[in-house]
Amino acid sequence: MKTVRTMLACIVFTAFFVQAPLTLSAQAEEAAKKAEQLSKQKAELEKAKEQYVIQKTRMEEHKERIESHRIAFITDRLELTPAEAQIFWPVYNEYEKKRHEVTKDFRKRMNLEQRNIEELSDKEAMEAAENQLLEAQKMLELRKEYHLKFKNILPPKKILMLYDSEREFQKQLIERLREERENRRGIEHRGDQKRPGKRY
């Protein structure tokens, strides 16, 4: 009887120590897989952050180029003297900043860039229409405020030329952006044509 018990104990003992390394090995393999997945996720996250920084930098550079062209365009059209430019641009830049804030706030509240008018409910459509009127009213009040400031800086004809120059620059900017977009589409289309098709 004692011999049978001893044999059973040996079997259990042996089975435990044979199974233990297998269990530890499986756990180690699972841990290695999780570590590899985490490493890949971290690499993808870092890549996404890098792409975001690059895109943001390009947008800021693009914005700065537009700003530089706008300053040169208006300065040339108005034929500002150095004395006029020194006083005018800080006031005008302040005006532009406030105008941008009004537009940004309007878009944030609306958040309808990706929505079709047909998809809106009557309540949403009415709210959108009233918000547009509200934005136009704020813009008009802002324009009146800075019109008075411009009167203290520029002669009447240059103020009128300023408003004409703003419209002309905006028109040229829209046309230029449209051309750039069409050029990009043309390049992408030519690239698609060069790609080999499926072979059967």
Protein backbone atom coordinates (compact mmCIF):
# COMPACT_ATOMS: atom_id res chain seq x y z
CA MET A 1 0.00 0.00 0.00
CA LYS A 2 2.84 2.33 0.94
CA THR A 3 4.52 1.50 -2.38
CA VAL A 4 1.37 2.46 -4.33
CA ARG A 5 1.15 5.77 -2.47
CA THR A 6 4.78 6.46 -3.15
CA MET A 7 4.32 5.73 -6.85
CA LEU A 8 1.28 8.03 -7.03
CA ALA A 9 3.17 10.80 -5.28
CA CYS A 10 6.02 10.44 -7.76
CA ILE A 11 3.63 10.61 -10.69
CA VAL A 12 1.95 13.78 -9.34
CA PHE A 13 5.33 15.32 -8.53
CA THR A 14 6.66 14.56 -12.01
CA ALA A 15 3.53 15.81 -13.76
CA PHE A 16 3.69 19.10 -11.85
CA PHE A 17 7.28 19.81 -12.77
CA VAL A 18 6.76 18.78 -16.39
CA GLN A 19 3.65 20.99 -16.74
CA ALA A 20 5.11 23.99 -14.90
CA PRO A 21 7.76 24.84 -17.51
CA LEU A 22 5.14 24.51 -20.25
CA THR A 23 2.81 26.91 -18.42
CA LEU A 24 5.61 29.40 -17.79
CA SER A 25 6.68 29.15 -21.42
CA ALA A 26 3.12 29.89 -22.65
CA GLN A 27 2.86 32.86 -20.28
CA ALA A 28 6.19 34.20 -21.46
CA GLU A 29 5.11 33.83 -25.10
CA GLU A 30 1.83 35.63 -24.38
CA ALA A 31 3.68 38.43 -22.58
CA ALA A 32 6.07 38.77 -25.52
CA LYS A 33 3.13 39.06 -27.94
CA LYS A 34 1.50 41.77 -25.81
CA ALA A 35 4.80 43.63 -25.57
CA GLU A 36 5.16 43.47 -29.35
CA GLN A 37 1.60 44.76 -29.85
CA LEU A 38 2.21 47.63 -27.43
CA SER A 39 5.44 48.46 -29.23
CA LYS A 40 3.63 48.57 -32.60
CA GLN A 41 0.84 50.72 -31.16
CA LYS A 42 3.39 53.10 -29.68
CA ALA A 43 5.23 53.33 -33.02
CA GLU A 44 1.94 54.02 -34.86
CA LEU A 45 1.03 56.69 -32.29
CA GLU A 46 4.42 58.37 -32.66
CA LYS A 47 4.05 58.29 -36.45
CA ALA A 48 0.57 59.84 -36.22
CA LYS A 49 1.91 62.58 -33.93
CA GLU A 50 4.74 63.27 -36.35
CA GLN A 51 2.33 63.50 -39.29
CA TYR A 52 0.11 65.85 -37.28
CA VAL A 53 3.06 68.14 -36.46
CA ILE A 54 4.15 68.16 -40.13
CA GLN A 55 0.62 68.95 -41.32
CA LYS A 56 0.17 71.67 -38.70
CA THR A 57 3.54 73.22 -39.62
CA ARG A 58 2.61 73.24 -43.30
CA MET A 59 -0.73 74.89 -42.54
CA GLU A 60 0.96 77.56 -40.43
CA GLU A 61 3.54 78.19 -43.16
CA HIS A 62 0.75 78.41 -45.74
CA LYS A 63 -1.13 80.86 -43.53
CA GLU A 64 1.99 82.98 -43.09
CA ARG A 65 2.55 83.09 -46.86
CA ILE A 66 -1.03 84.24 -47.42
CA GLU A 67 -0.60 86.89 -44.74
CA SER A 68 2.61 88.15 -46.35
CA HIS A 69 0.93 88.36 -49.77
CA ARG A 70 -2.05 90.16 -48.27
CA ILE A 71 0.15 92.78 -46.59
CA ALA A 72 2.14 93.34 -49.78
CA PHE A 73 -1.04 93.49 -51.90
CA ILE A 74 -2.83 96.05 -49.72
CA THR A 75 0.30 98.14 -49.13
CA ASP A 76 0.89 98.32 -52.88
CA ARG A 77 -2.74 99.12 -53.75
CA LEU A 78 -3.09 101.81 -51.09
CA GLU A 79 0.40 103.18 -51.72
CA LEU A 80 0.88 103.53 -47.97
CA THR A 81 3.62 105.83 -46.81
CA PRO A 82 5.99 104.45 -44.13
CA ALA A 83 4.27 106.64 -41.54
CA GLU A 84 0.78 105.43 -42.58
CA ALA A 85 1.87 101.78 -42.66
CA GLN A 86 3.38 102.00 -39.17
CA ILE A 87 0.05 103.15 -37.71
CA PHE A 88 -2.31 101.30 -40.05
CA TRP A 89 -1.08 97.68 -39.85
CA PRO A 90 -1.34 97.15 -36.07
CA VAL A 91 -4.94 98.41 -36.19
CA TYR A 92 -5.81 96.39 -39.29
CA ASN A 93 -4.25 93.21 -37.88
CA GLU A 94 -6.32 93.68 -34.73
CA TYR A 95 -9.40 94.04 -36.94
CA GLU A 96 -8.52 90.87 -38.87
CA LYS A 97 -8.01 88.92 -35.65
CA LYS A 98 -11.43 89.90 -34.31
CA ARG A 99 -13.06 89.15 -37.66
CA HIS A 100 -11.47 85.69 -37.64
CA GLU A 101 -12.75 85.08 -34.10
CA VAL A 102 -16.32 85.91 -35.16
CA THR A 103 -16.10 83.49 -38.10
CA LYS A 104 -14.46 80.78 -35.98
CA ASP A 105 -17.12 81.07 -33.29
CA PHE A 106 -19.86 80.87 -35.92
CA ARG A 107 -18.42 77.70 -37.47
CA LYS A 108 -17.92 76.13 -34.05
CA ARG A 109 -21.54 76.68 -33.08
CA MET A 110 -22.88 75.56 -36.41
CA ASN A 111 -20.62 72.56 -37.06
CA LEU A 112 -22.44 71.90 -40.35
CA GLU A 113 -19.47 71.68 -42.70
CA GLN A 114 -20.12 68.00 -43.49
CA ARG A 115 -23.92 68.14 -43.45
CA ASN A 116 -26.31 68.61 -46.34
CA ILE A 117 -29.09 71.16 -45.96
CA GLU A 118 -31.62 68.48 -46.91
CA GLU A 119 -30.52 66.45 -43.88
CA LEU A 120 -31.38 69.24 -41.42
CA SER A 121 -34.58 69.39 -39.45
CA ASP A 122 -36.72 72.56 -39.65
CA LYS A 123 -35.44 73.60 -36.23
CA GLU A 124 -31.79 73.13 -37.25
CA ALA A 125 -32.35 74.96 -40.54
CA MET A 126 -33.96 77.93 -38.79
CA GLU A 127 -31.15 78.02 -36.23
CA ALA A 128 -28.57 77.99 -39.04
CA ALA A 129 -30.33 80.84 -40.86
CA GLU A 130 -30.56 82.95 -37.71
CA ASN A 131 -26.93 82.27 -36.88
CA GLN A 132 -25.92 83.54 -40.31
CA LEU A 133 -27.83 86.76 -39.67
CA LEU A 134 -26.17 87.03 -36.27
CA GLU A 135 -22.73 86.57 -37.81
CA ALA A 136 -23.48 89.20 -40.48
CA GLN A 137 -24.64 91.62 -37.77
CA LYS A 138 -21.48 91.08 -35.71
CA MET A 139 -19.34 91.57 -38.80
CA LEU A 140 -21.16 94.82 -39.63
CA GLU A 141 -20.71 96.13 -36.07
CA LEU A 142 -17.03 95.23 -36.19
CA ARG A 143 -16.60 96.91 -39.57
CA LYS A 144 -18.29 100.10 -38.30
CA GLU A 145 -16.03 100.12 -35.23
CA TYR A 146 -12.84 99.86 -37.27
CA HIS A 147 -14.10 102.16 -40.01
CA LEU A 148 -14.00 104.94 -37.43
CA LYS A 149 -10.44 103.94 -36.51
CA PHE A 150 -9.35 103.87 -40.15
CA LYS A 151 -10.75 107.41 -40.59
CA ASN A 152 -8.19 108.60 -38.06
CA ILE A 153 -5.35 106.95 -39.98
CA LEU A 154 -6.12 107.12 -43.71
CA PRO A 155 -7.67 109.66 -46.06
CA PRO A 156 -11.17 108.83 -47.39
CA LYS A 157 -10.00 107.60 -50.82
CA LYS A 158 -7.52 105.17 -49.28
CA ILE A 159 -10.25 103.79 -47.00
CA LEU A 160 -12.40 103.10 -50.05
CA MET A 161 -9.40 101.56 -51.81
CA LEU A 162 -8.83 99.38 -48.74
CA TYR A 163 -12.31 97.86 -48.98
CA ASP A 164 -11.91 97.30 -52.73
CA SER A 165 -8.46 95.75 -52.16
CA GLU A 166 -9.87 93.34 -49.56
CA ARG A 167 -12.46 92.06 -52.03
CA GLU A 168 -9.93 91.81 -54.86
CA PHE A 169 -7.40 89.93 -52.72
CA GLN A 170 -10.06 87.50 -51.49
CA LYS A 171 -11.16 86.88 -55.08
CA GLN A 172 -7.60 86.22 -56.24
CA LEU A 173 -6.94 83.98 -53.23
CA ILE A 174 -10.01 81.83 -53.96
CA GLU A 175 -9.00 81.50 -57.62
CA ARG A 176 -5.44 80.55 -56.67
CA LEU A 177 -6.61 77.93 -54.16
CA ARG A 178 -8.96 76.49 -56.78
CA GLU A 179 -6.12 76.24 -59.30
CA GLU A 180 -3.86 74.53 -56.75
CA ARG A 181 -6.61 72.03 -55.92
CA GLU A 182 -7.20 71.28 -59.61
CA ASN A 183 -3.44 70.86 -60.18
CA ARG A 184 -3.25 68.37 -57.29
CA ARG A 185 -6.18 66.42 -58.72
CA GLY A 186 -4.49 66.38 -62.12
CA ILE A 187 -1.27 65.01 -60.63
CA GLU A 188 -3.19 62.34 -58.70
CA HIS A 189 -5.13 61.40 -61.84
CA ARG A 190 -1.95 61.03 -63.89
CA GLY A 191 -0.47 58.96 -61.09
CA ASP A 192 -3.48 56.63 -61.13
CA GLN A 193 -3.15 56.19 -64.91
CA LYS A 194 0.50 55.15 -64.57
CA ARG A 195 -0.31 52.44 -62.05
CA PRO A 196 -0.48 48.97 -63.69
CA GLY A 197 -3.89 47.40 -63.83
CA LYS A 198 -4.81 43.91 -62.74
CA ARG A 199 -3.47 41.06 -64.83
CA TYR A 200 -5.54 37.97 -65.40
